[in-house]
Amino acid sequence: MDRWMWLRCLFGPSLQRIHRSPDQTRTDGRPPRRGWNYQPRGLERHTDSILGWASVLWSLSYYSSPLLLCYLYRKGYICSSKLAPLSQYVGTALVCLIGVACLRGWGRWRNPEYVQFISILEETRRDHTPNNKKKLACFDFDFKHWPVDFSWKEVSSPKLSKGGVSLLRPEPKHRGAADSVLNSVRTLPCHILSYLIVHSFGRRMLYPGSLGLLQKAMRPMLQQGQARLVEEYDGQRNKLVACDGNEIDTMFVDRRKDGGQAGKTLVICCEGNAGFYEVGCMNTPLDGGYSVLGWNHPGFGGSTGVPLPQNEANAMDVVIQFAVHKLGFQLSDIIVYAWSIGGFTASWAVMSYPEIRALVLDASFDDLLPLALKVMPDSWRPLVTRTVRQYMNLNNAEQLCKYQGPVLLIRRTKDEIITTTGPEDIMSNRGNDLLLKLLQYRYPKVMTEDALRAVRQWLAAGTPIEEESVYTGYEVDDDWCLSVLQSYQTDRETLFPWSVGEDMTLEGRRQLALFLVCYKKNTVYPVNKNATLSLSSGTKVYAKL
């Protein structure tokens, strides 16, 4: 028995924190809020440190391997006479590391807290009951050892295809059969180069949060955020399996039992390219009293895989399926809130599930291509265009236009990431383009050239005073604009695009365009389910949805 327990400790996951003891309760029957960091004993602590440094060195060697191999080749070390002694050194190091791992297992075996944890983990794997899951949730440990809580296989989804969920693809250029073959042969080197760019440094530049070294550096912060969500908000961690086999790390905070109306609404949060739900945008809806479901991108935190568009959409799909079929929310009770690059999965979600109540996009953009061209040399433009369109086609605006529900756009006037020139040039913020494309699709008769100029003038205003000056300068009549929209919605089919504005004067179109854009003046119409909203400040408002 002791031998088997030692083997479990040897191959068991690292334990970081004990949120609360499984058999400890408060006098009022509620679990204690505060936990404590797991304290390994001397032998386990030292051996774990050695293995940790070995992992860091391996990561550094992996990322620097191209340069390292070139250096070894130039020095003449890549030959049989040189590799034989090197292999002996590597073998000796591996034997030493195996010995260190065995000693760490011995140290864990001598620690009652770890033995209790590993026993609960094994019991949960054998019998994944709610009671065992509740006991296991008292521990924070390596997530790859966490049992699966939900899989896409548990529900029948017609949206799934053999390669995953469906995405909007760029329309192929029509060519003749012979021309198509010749073009494929001619562009084959470009395809190969694009593939290598994406799978080497491309996706890592786009999603730096997937870098192992960055995650190691942020680990204390992530563990602290994890503890806060579990201990202060009674968060529930779950592992979901997407249709591509990736495991998605999620955190759910249930506010339905609190009795508030906001708690009956679920806010699904989509993080940015270096964001994690542990320290990301979950805090905003939590402060508003909403039920919240956060998840990490593939390759982020406890999630597996790589953050490519198809994998991202697959992950978002299983998150929504989990919210509906496991957590018991209706699609009409779900709001999707996204930060920055999370706008891709958020816009995909509302496009694929149009019954979702509303969408909030904070500091997001319309299309990745202009931002990619900004950071790459001009001579690379054709290659960058091909690479983005084929492998990283984050077409937020195109997906957003497929959604009929209310949208709240939050623009950061000092944003440095999604501007194509600099933060001082507000009009280069791609959030403006996202708004304009949505307005032009939904209200094509209103958004004429003259109305667009008025909207751009308002968007170019750098302060609330300047915005108010533009708005009042066009003498926008809020009551008239509201009555026009309400009467149109009452008399006609409300699906976008609307034909409102086709018989309107230029002045009327300008007023209506500014009314649709300027959220601060628009205090009534945002409540309507077909409203299009915009903010120029960084304030996040959920009550208006």
Protein backbone atom coordinates (compact mmCIF):
# COMPACT_ATOMS: atom_id res chain seq x y z
CA MET A 1 0.00 0.00 0.00
CA ASP A 2 2.80 2.41 0.92
CA ARG A 3 4.60 1.57 -2.31
CA TRP A 4 1.55 2.46 -4.41
CA MET A 5 1.05 5.69 -2.49
CA TRP A 6 4.70 6.63 -3.11
CA LEU A 7 4.21 5.99 -6.84
CA ARG A 8 1.12 8.21 -6.82
CA CYS A 9 3.12 10.93 -5.11
CA LEU A 10 5.97 10.46 -7.59
CA PHE A 11 3.78 10.94 -10.66
CA GLY A 12 1.27 13.27 -9.02
CA PRO A 13 0.79 16.94 -9.94
CA SER A 14 2.36 19.90 -8.21
CA LEU A 15 0.18 21.27 -5.43
CA GLN A 16 0.21 25.07 -5.11
CA ARG A 17 -2.50 26.02 -2.65
CA ILE A 18 -5.11 24.57 -0.34
CA HIS A 19 -8.19 26.76 -0.56
CA ARG A 20 -9.79 25.09 2.43
CA SER A 21 -9.68 21.75 4.16
CA PRO A 22 -12.28 19.31 2.78
CA ASP A 23 -13.51 18.48 6.28
CA GLN A 24 -13.39 22.03 7.65
CA THR A 25 -16.55 24.13 7.89
CA ARG A 26 -17.66 27.35 9.51
CA THR A 27 -20.06 27.47 12.41
CA ASP A 28 -22.75 28.69 10.00
CA GLY A 29 -22.18 25.72 7.73
CA ARG A 30 -20.44 27.71 4.99
CA PRO A 31 -16.91 26.79 3.90
CA PRO A 32 -14.11 29.03 5.19
CA ARG A 33 -13.06 31.68 2.73
CA ARG A 34 -9.32 31.89 3.27
CA GLY A 35 -6.85 29.21 2.29
CA TRP A 36 -3.11 28.88 2.54
CA ASN A 37 -0.22 28.13 0.23
CA TYR A 38 0.97 24.55 0.26
CA GLN A 39 4.20 24.30 2.24
CA PRO A 40 6.46 21.51 0.96
CA ARG A 41 8.99 20.14 3.38
CA GLY A 42 12.73 20.49 2.91
CA LEU A 43 13.39 17.53 0.61
CA GLU A 44 10.39 18.22 -1.60
CA ARG A 45 11.11 21.95 -1.72
CA HIS A 46 14.74 21.55 -2.84
CA THR A 47 14.07 18.82 -5.39
CA ASP A 48 11.12 20.75 -6.79
CA SER A 49 13.38 23.79 -7.20
CA ILE A 50 15.94 21.73 -9.13
CA LEU A 51 13.28 20.33 -11.46
CA GLY A 52 11.84 23.82 -11.91
CA TRP A 53 15.17 25.23 -13.03
CA ALA A 54 15.60 22.26 -15.37
CA SER A 55 12.22 23.11 -16.91
CA VAL A 56 13.26 26.75 -17.40
CA LEU A 57 16.53 25.71 -19.06
CA TRP A 58 14.62 23.37 -21.34
CA SER A 59 12.26 26.19 -22.34
CA LEU A 60 15.18 28.51 -23.07
CA SER A 61 16.90 25.79 -25.10
CA TYR A 62 13.71 25.11 -27.03
CA TYR A 63 13.11 28.73 -28.04
CA SER A 64 16.79 29.33 -28.84
CA SER A 65 17.29 25.98 -30.60
CA PRO A 66 17.57 27.46 -34.14
CA LEU A 67 20.39 29.78 -33.08
CA LEU A 68 21.97 27.08 -30.94
CA LEU A 69 21.97 24.55 -33.78
CA CYS A 70 23.50 27.08 -36.16
CA TYR A 71 26.24 27.85 -33.64
CA LEU A 72 27.01 24.16 -33.06
CA TYR A 73 27.09 23.52 -36.80
CA ARG A 74 29.53 26.36 -37.46
CA LYS A 75 31.76 25.13 -34.65
CA GLY A 76 31.72 21.60 -36.06
CA TYR A 77 30.00 19.96 -33.10
CA ILE A 78 27.28 18.28 -35.18
CA CYS A 79 29.18 15.13 -36.07
CA SER A 80 29.34 11.60 -34.68
CA SER A 81 32.62 12.13 -32.83
CA LYS A 82 31.25 15.16 -31.00
CA LEU A 83 27.69 13.95 -30.47
CA ALA A 84 28.68 10.71 -28.71
CA PRO A 85 30.18 12.43 -25.62
CA LEU A 86 27.34 14.94 -25.66
CA SER A 87 24.77 12.15 -25.57
CA GLN A 88 26.56 10.68 -22.55
CA TYR A 89 26.34 14.00 -20.72
CA VAL A 90 22.67 14.30 -21.58
CA GLY A 91 22.02 10.73 -20.43
CA THR A 92 23.79 11.37 -17.14
CA ALA A 93 21.76 14.53 -16.60
CA LEU A 94 18.52 12.65 -17.28
CA VAL A 95 19.45 9.92 -14.78
CA CYS A 96 20.18 12.59 -12.17
CA LEU A 97 16.85 14.30 -12.85
CA ILE A 98 15.02 10.98 -12.51
CA GLY A 99 16.71 10.50 -9.16
CA VAL A 100 15.69 14.00 -8.09
CA ALA A 101 12.10 13.27 -9.12
CA CYS A 102 12.12 10.08 -7.02
CA LEU A 103 13.36 12.05 -4.03
CA ARG A 104 10.60 14.60 -4.58
CA GLY A 105 8.06 11.78 -4.58
CA TRP A 106 9.50 10.57 -1.28
CA GLY A 107 9.20 14.07 0.17
CA ARG A 108 5.58 14.32 -0.93
CA TRP A 109 4.83 10.92 0.56
CA ARG A 110 6.05 12.16 3.93
CA ASN A 111 3.75 15.21 3.81
CA PRO A 112 0.23 14.52 5.19
CA GLU A 113 -1.33 17.41 3.24
CA TYR A 114 -0.07 16.09 -0.08
CA VAL A 115 -1.10 12.53 0.77
CA GLN A 116 -4.61 13.77 1.58
CA PHE A 117 -4.72 15.67 -1.73
CA ILE A 118 -3.50 12.78 -3.87
CA SER A 119 -5.99 10.43 -2.21
CA ILE A 120 -8.88 12.78 -3.03
CA LEU A 121 -7.62 13.17 -6.61
CA GLU A 122 -7.48 9.40 -7.14
CA GLU A 123 -10.93 8.96 -5.62
CA THR A 124 -12.35 11.67 -7.91
CA ARG A 125 -10.82 10.01 -10.96
CA ARG A 126 -12.47 6.73 -10.04
CA ASP A 127 -15.82 8.25 -9.12
CA HIS A 128 -16.42 11.78 -10.41
CA THR A 129 -19.36 12.59 -8.15
CA PRO A 130 -20.37 16.13 -7.10
CA ASN A 131 -19.20 15.38 -3.55
CA ASN A 132 -15.75 14.27 -4.70
CA LYS A 133 -15.56 17.23 -7.09
CA LYS A 134 -16.33 19.55 -4.17
CA LYS A 135 -13.49 18.03 -2.15
CA LEU A 136 -11.07 18.29 -5.07
CA ALA A 137 -11.99 21.94 -5.62
CA CYS A 138 -10.35 22.69 -2.27
CA PHE A 139 -6.94 22.31 -3.94
CA ASP A 140 -5.11 24.31 -6.60
CA PHE A 141 -2.78 22.04 -8.58
CA ASP A 142 -1.43 21.36 -12.05
CA PHE A 143 -4.54 21.57 -14.22
CA LYS A 144 -3.56 18.86 -16.70
CA HIS A 145 -4.32 16.34 -13.94
CA TRP A 146 -7.80 17.80 -13.33
CA PRO A 147 -10.62 15.39 -14.28
CA VAL A 148 -12.80 16.34 -17.25
CA ASP A 149 -16.04 18.05 -16.19
CA PHE A 150 -17.69 18.50 -19.59
CA SER A 151 -17.05 17.43 -23.17
CA TRP A 152 -18.62 18.54 -26.44
CA LYS A 153 -19.47 14.86 -27.02
CA GLU A 154 -22.08 15.08 -24.26
CA VAL A 155 -24.35 17.20 -26.46
CA SER A 156 -25.34 16.90 -30.09
CA SER A 157 -24.30 20.08 -31.85
CA PRO A 158 -25.19 20.55 -35.54
CA LYS A 159 -22.64 23.36 -35.71
CA LEU A 160 -19.73 20.93 -35.50
CA SER A 161 -18.06 19.62 -38.61
CA LYS A 162 -15.15 17.25 -39.09
CA GLY A 163 -12.57 20.01 -38.76
CA GLY A 164 -14.37 21.84 -35.95
CA VAL A 165 -16.94 24.60 -35.90
CA SER A 166 -17.52 26.67 -39.02
CA LEU A 167 -15.66 29.92 -39.64
CA LEU A 168 -16.12 32.66 -42.20
CA ARG A 169 -13.50 32.11 -44.90
CA PRO A 170 -12.20 34.59 -47.49
CA GLU A 171 -13.91 34.07 -50.82
CA PRO A 172 -11.58 32.23 -53.23
CA LYS A 173 -10.72 33.86 -56.52
CA HIS A 174 -12.35 32.11 -59.47
CA ARG A 175 -9.81 30.67 -61.89
CA GLY A 176 -9.77 28.12 -64.65
CA ALA A 177 -8.65 24.57 -63.86
CA ALA A 178 -5.26 24.87 -65.61
CA ASP A 179 -4.68 28.36 -64.27
CA SER A 180 -5.54 27.17 -60.76
CA VAL A 181 -2.99 24.34 -60.90
CA LEU A 182 -0.25 26.62 -62.20
CA ASN A 183 -1.07 29.22 -59.58
CA SER A 184 -0.94 26.60 -56.82
CA VAL A 185 2.50 25.45 -57.95
CA ARG A 186 3.75 29.02 -58.27
CA THR A 187 2.49 30.05 -54.84
CA LEU A 188 3.57 26.84 -53.04
CA PRO A 189 6.75 28.44 -51.60
CA CYS A 190 4.65 31.31 -50.25
CA HIS A 191 2.24 28.86 -48.63
CA ILE A 192 5.12 27.02 -46.99
CA LEU A 193 6.68 30.26 -45.80
CA SER A 194 3.35 31.50 -44.43
CA TYR A 195 2.88 28.25 -42.53
CA LEU A 196 6.36 28.49 -41.03
CA ILE A 197 5.83 32.12 -40.03
CA VAL A 198 2.54 31.40 -38.28
CA HIS A 199 3.74 28.32 -36.42
CA SER A 200 7.10 29.79 -35.39
CA PHE A 201 6.99 33.42 -34.29
CA GLY A 202 3.69 34.60 -35.81
CA ARG A 203 1.19 33.19 -33.36
CA ARG A 204 3.55 33.87 -30.46
CA MET A 205 3.69 37.54 -31.43
CA LEU A 206 -0.08 37.63 -31.75
CA TYR A 207 -0.72 35.66 -28.54
CA PRO A 208 2.26 36.29 -26.22
CA GLY A 209 0.28 34.84 -23.34
CA SER A 210 0.87 31.37 -24.80
CA LEU A 211 4.62 31.62 -24.15
CA GLY A 212 5.69 29.24 -21.40
CA LEU A 213 8.30 31.64 -20.04
CA LEU A 214 5.73 34.42 -19.67
CA GLN A 215 3.36 32.08 -17.89
CA LYS A 216 6.13 31.00 -15.51
CA ALA A 217 6.88 34.64 -14.74
CA MET A 218 3.19 35.37 -14.13
CA ARG A 219 2.52 32.21 -12.12
CA PRO A 220 2.47 33.89 -8.67
CA MET A 221 0.03 36.51 -9.95
CA LEU A 222 -2.16 33.88 -11.61
CA GLN A 223 -2.22 31.74 -8.48
CA GLN A 224 -3.20 34.76 -6.42
CA GLY A 225 -6.01 35.58 -8.84
CA GLN A 226 -7.15 31.96 -8.82
CA ALA A 227 -7.26 31.95 -5.03
CA ARG A 228 -9.26 35.19 -4.98
CA LEU A 229 -11.90 33.85 -7.36
CA VAL A 230 -12.28 30.59 -5.44
CA GLU A 231 -12.07 31.88 -1.89
CA GLU A 232 -13.80 35.27 -2.13
CA TYR A 233 -16.34 34.55 -4.88
CA ASP A 234 -16.75 30.79 -4.38
CA GLY A 235 -15.65 30.19 -7.97
CA GLN A 236 -15.91 26.74 -9.54
CA ARG A 237 -13.07 25.58 -11.76
CA ASN A 238 -13.96 23.21 -14.60
CA LYS A 239 -12.15 21.42 -17.40
CA LEU A 240 -13.93 21.33 -20.76
CA VAL A 241 -12.91 19.28 -23.78
CA ALA A 242 -13.51 20.93 -27.16
CA CYS A 243 -14.23 19.13 -30.42
CA ASP A 244 -10.54 19.32 -31.41
CA GLY A 245 -9.47 17.60 -28.18
CA ASN A 246 -8.11 20.74 -26.52
CA GLU A 247 -8.77 21.05 -22.80
CA ILE A 248 -10.16 24.44 -21.78
CA ASP A 249 -9.59 25.87 -18.31
CA THR A 250 -12.68 27.73 -17.05
CA MET A 251 -13.88 29.49 -13.91
CA PHE A 252 -17.56 29.94 -13.06
CA VAL A 253 -18.95 32.25 -10.38
CA ASP A 254 -22.64 31.59 -9.70
CA ARG A 255 -24.65 34.55 -8.43
CA ARG A 256 -28.12 33.10 -9.01
CA LYS A 257 -28.49 32.14 -5.36
CA ASP A 258 -27.85 35.70 -4.20
CA GLY A 259 -31.37 36.68 -5.20
CA GLY A 260 -30.43 39.64 -7.39
CA GLN A 261 -31.75 40.10 -10.91
CA ALA A 262 -28.24 40.59 -12.31
CA GLY A 263 -27.16 37.20 -11.00
CA LYS A 264 -29.58 35.48 -13.36
CA THR A 265 -27.58 36.83 -16.29
CA LEU A 266 -24.36 35.06 -17.25
CA VAL A 267 -21.46 37.12 -18.61
CA ILE A 268 -18.96 35.05 -20.60
CA CYS A 269 -15.58 36.80 -20.66
CA CYS A 270 -13.11 36.53 -23.56
CA GLU A 271 -9.62 37.71 -22.62
CA GLY A 272 -6.98 39.57 -24.62
CA ASN A 273 -3.84 38.21 -26.25
CA ALA A 274 -1.90 38.22 -22.97
CA GLY A 275 -4.86 37.94 -20.62
CA PHE A 276 -5.93 35.18 -18.28
CA TYR A 277 -9.25 34.86 -16.50
CA GLU A 278 -7.38 34.81 -13.18
CA VAL A 279 -6.35 38.46 -13.59
CA GLY A 280 -8.47 39.56 -16.55
CA CYS A 281 -11.80 41.18 -17.25
CA MET A 282 -13.90 38.91 -15.02
CA ASN A 283 -13.66 41.49 -12.24
CA THR A 284 -15.86 44.01 -14.05
CA PRO A 285 -19.06 41.90 -14.29
CA LEU A 286 -18.33 40.44 -10.85
CA ASP A 287 -18.47 43.94 -9.39
CA GLY A 288 -21.84 44.36 -11.11
CA GLY A 289 -23.30 41.30 -9.39
CA TYR A 290 -23.51 39.12 -12.51
CA SER A 291 -22.85 35.42 -12.80
CA VAL A 292 -19.58 35.12 -14.70
CA LEU A 293 -17.87 32.42 -16.75
CA GLY A 294 -14.23 33.02 -17.64
CA TRP A 295 -12.00 30.83 -19.79
CA ASN A 296 -8.42 30.78 -21.01
CA HIS A 297 -7.37 30.68 -24.64
CA PRO A 298 -5.89 27.39 -25.91
CA GLY A 299 -2.30 27.31 -24.70
CA PHE A 300 -3.00 29.83 -21.90
CA GLY A 301 -2.87 28.80 -18.24
CA GLY A 302 -4.39 25.36 -17.82
CA SER A 303 -5.80 25.23 -21.37
CA THR A 304 -4.03 23.05 -23.92
CA GLY A 305 -3.47 23.55 -27.64
CA VAL A 306 -2.35 26.59 -29.62
CA PRO A 307 -4.35 29.82 -30.11
CA LEU A 308 -5.23 29.60 -33.80
CA PRO A 309 -8.60 30.92 -35.06
CA GLN A 310 -10.11 27.46 -35.51
CA ASN A 311 -9.02 26.34 -32.05
CA GLU A 312 -10.28 29.59 -30.56
CA ALA A 313 -13.73 29.12 -32.09
CA ASN A 314 -13.82 25.47 -31.00
CA ALA A 315 -13.03 26.54 -27.44
CA MET A 316 -15.70 29.24 -27.46
CA ASP A 317 -18.24 26.74 -28.74
CA VAL A 318 -17.67 24.26 -25.91
CA VAL A 319 -17.78 27.11 -23.37
CA ILE A 320 -21.24 28.12 -24.62
CA GLN A 321 -22.40 24.51 -24.70
CA PHE A 322 -21.19 24.12 -21.12
CA ALA A 323 -23.04 27.25 -20.03
CA VAL A 324 -26.29 26.04 -21.59
CA HIS A 325 -26.27 22.29 -20.97
CA LYS A 326 -24.31 22.03 -17.72
CA LEU A 327 -24.84 25.33 -15.93
CA GLY A 328 -28.47 25.68 -17.02
CA PHE A 329 -28.47 29.16 -18.60
CA GLN A 330 -30.57 30.04 -21.62
CA LEU A 331 -28.85 31.72 -24.56
CA SER A 332 -31.13 34.71 -24.00
CA ASP A 333 -29.64 35.04 -20.50
CA ILE A 334 -26.03 35.24 -21.76
CA ILE A 335 -23.98 38.37 -22.45
CA VAL A 336 -20.57 38.01 -24.08
CA TYR A 337 -17.91 40.48 -22.94
CA ALA A 338 -14.57 40.61 -24.75
CA TRP A 339 -11.34 42.50 -24.36
CA SER A 340 -9.12 43.30 -27.36
CA ILE A 341 -8.37 40.17 -29.42
CA GLY A 342 -11.08 38.34 -27.50
CA GLY A 343 -13.45 40.17 -29.83
CA PHE A 344 -12.84 37.44 -32.41
CA THR A 345 -14.28 34.63 -30.31
CA ALA A 346 -16.98 36.93 -28.95
CA SER A 347 -18.14 38.02 -32.41
CA TRP A 348 -18.00 34.39 -33.56
CA ALA A 349 -20.18 33.41 -30.62
CA VAL A 350 -22.95 35.92 -31.35
CA MET A 351 -22.77 35.12 -35.06
CA SER A 352 -23.15 31.38 -34.39
CA TYR A 353 -25.63 31.76 -31.53
CA PRO A 354 -27.79 34.77 -32.48
CA GLU A 355 -30.09 34.17 -29.50
CA ILE A 356 -27.38 35.55 -27.17
CA ARG A 357 -28.74 38.62 -25.43
CA ALA A 358 -25.97 41.15 -26.05
CA LEU A 359 -22.32 41.70 -26.91
CA VAL A 360 -19.79 44.04 -25.27
CA LEU A 361 -16.51 44.67 -27.09
CA ASP A 362 -13.87 46.57 -25.14
CA ALA A 363 -10.80 47.90 -26.99
CA SER A 364 -11.42 45.59 -29.94
CA PHE A 365 -10.75 46.02 -33.67
CA ASP A 366 -12.38 45.29 -37.00
CA ASP A 367 -9.69 43.26 -38.77
CA LEU A 368 -6.24 41.97 -37.88
CA LEU A 369 -4.61 42.72 -41.24
CA PRO A 370 -4.10 46.51 -40.82
CA LEU A 371 -2.56 45.93 -37.39
CA ALA A 372 -0.27 43.19 -38.73
CA LEU A 373 0.89 45.41 -41.60
CA LYS A 374 1.73 48.14 -39.08
CA VAL A 375 4.42 46.08 -37.33
CA MET A 376 5.92 44.36 -40.38
CA PRO A 377 8.17 45.84 -43.11
CA ASP A 378 6.40 47.28 -46.15
CA SER A 379 8.27 44.88 -48.41
CA TRP A 380 6.52 42.01 -46.62
CA ARG A 381 3.02 43.31 -47.39
CA PRO A 382 1.99 40.58 -49.89
CA LEU A 383 3.34 37.83 -47.64
CA VAL A 384 1.72 39.29 -44.52
CA THR A 385 -1.61 39.66 -46.32
CA ARG A 386 -1.54 36.06 -47.53
CA THR A 387 -0.49 34.74 -44.11
CA VAL A 388 -3.14 36.62 -42.16
CA ARG A 389 -5.96 35.78 -44.55
CA GLN A 390 -5.04 32.11 -44.68
CA TYR A 391 -4.06 31.35 -41.08
CA MET A 392 -4.95 34.28 -38.81
CA ASN A 393 -8.07 35.77 -40.34
CA LEU A 394 -9.51 37.56 -37.30
CA ASN A 395 -12.38 39.21 -39.16
CA ASN A 396 -14.31 40.67 -36.23
CA ALA A 397 -16.36 43.18 -38.22
CA GLU A 398 -17.50 40.61 -40.77
CA GLN A 399 -18.68 38.29 -38.00
CA LEU A 400 -20.27 41.11 -36.02
CA CYS A 401 -22.43 42.15 -38.96
CA LYS A 402 -24.07 38.72 -38.86
CA TYR A 403 -25.47 39.47 -35.39
CA GLN A 404 -28.86 41.14 -34.94
CA GLY A 405 -28.71 41.91 -31.22
CA PRO A 406 -27.47 44.89 -29.18
CA VAL A 407 -23.78 45.76 -29.27
CA LEU A 408 -21.81 47.97 -26.90
CA LEU A 409 -18.44 49.15 -28.22
CA ILE A 410 -15.93 50.65 -25.79
CA ARG A 411 -13.08 52.60 -27.36
CA ARG A 412 -9.89 53.41 -25.46
CA THR A 413 -8.76 56.85 -26.58
CA LYS A 414 -5.17 56.22 -25.43
CA ASP A 415 -4.89 52.73 -26.89
CA GLU A 416 -1.45 51.91 -28.29
CA ILE A 417 -2.16 48.38 -29.50
CA ILE A 418 -5.03 48.73 -31.98
CA THR A 419 -3.94 52.04 -33.53
CA THR A 420 -2.16 51.96 -36.88
CA THR A 421 -0.09 55.10 -36.27
CA GLY A 422 0.00 56.02 -32.58
CA PRO A 423 -2.24 56.62 -29.56
CA GLU A 424 -2.22 60.36 -30.21
CA ASP A 425 -4.03 59.77 -33.52
CA ILE A 426 -7.49 58.78 -32.32
CA MET A 427 -8.80 58.20 -35.83
CA SER A 428 -6.23 55.44 -36.43
CA ASN A 429 -7.90 53.40 -33.68
CA ARG A 430 -9.38 50.35 -35.41
CA GLY A 431 -12.30 50.45 -33.00
CA ASN A 432 -13.60 53.35 -35.11
CA ASP A 433 -13.56 51.14 -38.20
CA LEU A 434 -15.39 48.40 -36.32
CA LEU A 435 -18.14 50.85 -35.38
CA LEU A 436 -18.43 52.37 -38.85
CA LYS A 437 -18.64 48.99 -40.58
CA LEU A 438 -21.38 47.89 -38.20
CA LEU A 439 -23.34 51.11 -38.70
CA GLN A 440 -22.95 50.97 -42.48
CA TYR A 441 -24.31 47.44 -42.50
CA ARG A 442 -27.22 48.05 -40.13
CA TYR A 443 -28.23 51.52 -41.38
CA PRO A 444 -26.99 51.81 -44.98
CA LYS A 445 -29.48 54.56 -45.90
CA VAL A 446 -28.46 56.67 -42.91
CA MET A 447 -24.69 56.26 -43.21
CA THR A 448 -24.17 58.30 -46.36
CA GLU A 449 -20.92 60.14 -47.05
CA ASP A 450 -22.22 63.29 -45.39
CA ALA A 451 -23.34 61.38 -42.29
CA LEU A 452 -20.02 59.51 -42.18
CA ARG A 453 -18.14 62.80 -42.10
CA ALA A 454 -20.19 63.91 -39.12
CA VAL A 455 -19.58 60.63 -37.30
CA ARG A 456 -15.84 60.76 -38.02
CA GLN A 457 -15.74 64.31 -36.70
CA TRP A 458 -17.30 63.10 -33.44
CA LEU A 459 -14.93 60.12 -33.27
CA ALA A 460 -11.93 62.42 -33.78
CA ALA A 461 -12.85 64.42 -30.68
CA GLY A 462 -10.28 63.78 -27.98
CA THR A 463 -12.25 64.88 -24.91
CA PRO A 464 -15.87 64.68 -23.72
CA ILE A 465 -16.12 68.46 -24.11
CA GLU A 466 -15.12 68.23 -27.77
CA GLU A 467 -17.57 65.37 -28.29
CA GLU A 468 -20.37 67.44 -26.76
CA SER A 469 -19.40 70.38 -28.94
CA VAL A 470 -19.67 68.29 -32.12
CA TYR A 471 -22.96 66.77 -31.00
CA THR A 472 -24.59 70.07 -30.15
CA GLY A 473 -23.09 71.71 -33.23
CA TYR A 474 -25.21 69.49 -35.44
CA GLU A 475 -28.27 70.30 -33.28
CA VAL A 476 -29.24 66.67 -32.79
CA ASP A 477 -32.85 66.31 -31.68
CA ASP A 478 -32.85 63.22 -29.46
CA ASP A 479 -36.63 62.97 -29.22
CA TRP A 480 -37.06 63.13 -32.98
CA CYS A 481 -34.34 60.49 -33.60
CA LEU A 482 -35.87 58.20 -31.02
CA SER A 483 -39.36 58.53 -32.48
CA VAL A 484 -38.06 57.78 -35.99
CA LEU A 485 -36.35 54.58 -34.88
CA GLN A 486 -39.25 53.43 -32.74
CA SER A 487 -41.83 54.04 -35.45
CA TYR A 488 -39.71 52.21 -38.01
CA GLN A 489 -39.31 49.24 -35.72
CA THR A 490 -43.04 49.13 -35.01
CA ASP A 491 -44.18 49.30 -38.63
CA ARG A 492 -41.61 47.05 -40.32
CA GLU A 493 -39.51 43.93 -40.01
CA THR A 494 -36.75 44.65 -37.50
CA LEU A 495 -34.00 42.49 -38.98
CA PHE A 496 -30.94 44.41 -40.11
CA PRO A 497 -30.11 46.05 -42.44
CA TRP A 498 -32.79 48.69 -42.02
CA SER A 499 -33.96 50.99 -44.80
CA VAL A 500 -34.65 53.84 -42.39
CA GLY A 501 -33.33 57.13 -43.74
CA GLU A 502 -33.97 56.58 -47.45
CA ASP A 503 -36.51 59.44 -47.58
CA MET A 504 -34.66 61.62 -45.09
CA THR A 505 -32.88 64.92 -45.62
CA LEU A 506 -29.10 65.24 -45.26
CA GLU A 507 -29.56 67.04 -41.97
CA GLY A 508 -31.84 64.28 -40.68
CA ARG A 509 -29.33 61.58 -41.62
CA ARG A 510 -26.52 63.42 -39.87
CA GLN A 511 -28.59 63.76 -36.72
CA LEU A 512 -29.66 60.13 -36.75
CA ALA A 513 -26.11 58.91 -37.40
CA LEU A 514 -24.75 60.88 -34.44
CA PHE A 515 -27.63 59.74 -32.27
CA LEU A 516 -26.82 56.09 -33.04
CA VAL A 517 -23.17 56.64 -32.16
CA CYS A 518 -23.25 58.94 -29.15
CA TYR A 519 -24.09 56.69 -26.20
CA LYS A 520 -23.90 59.44 -23.58
CA LYS A 521 -26.82 61.30 -25.11
CA ASN A 522 -28.64 58.13 -26.04
CA THR A 523 -30.19 57.26 -22.68
CA VAL A 524 -33.34 55.46 -23.80
CA TYR A 525 -32.80 53.73 -27.11
CA PRO A 526 -29.92 51.47 -25.89
CA VAL A 527 -32.50 49.49 -23.92
CA ASN A 528 -34.01 48.39 -27.24
CA LYS A 529 -32.73 45.03 -28.44
CA ASN A 530 -31.68 46.42 -31.82
CA ALA A 531 -29.59 49.28 -30.50
CA THR A 532 -26.04 49.95 -31.60
CA LEU A 533 -24.01 51.57 -28.85
CA SER A 534 -20.65 53.28 -28.62
CA LEU A 535 -18.49 54.76 -25.89
CA SER A 536 -15.42 56.90 -26.28
CA SER A 537 -14.31 56.58 -22.67
CA GLY A 538 -13.05 53.53 -20.82
CA THR A 539 -16.06 53.18 -18.54
CA LYS A 540 -17.70 49.77 -18.60
CA VAL A 541 -21.49 49.90 -18.22
CA TYR A 542 -23.57 46.74 -18.06
CA ALA A 543 -26.81 48.04 -16.60
CA LYS A 544 -27.69 49.80 -19.85
CA LEU A 545 -27.82 46.52 -21.77
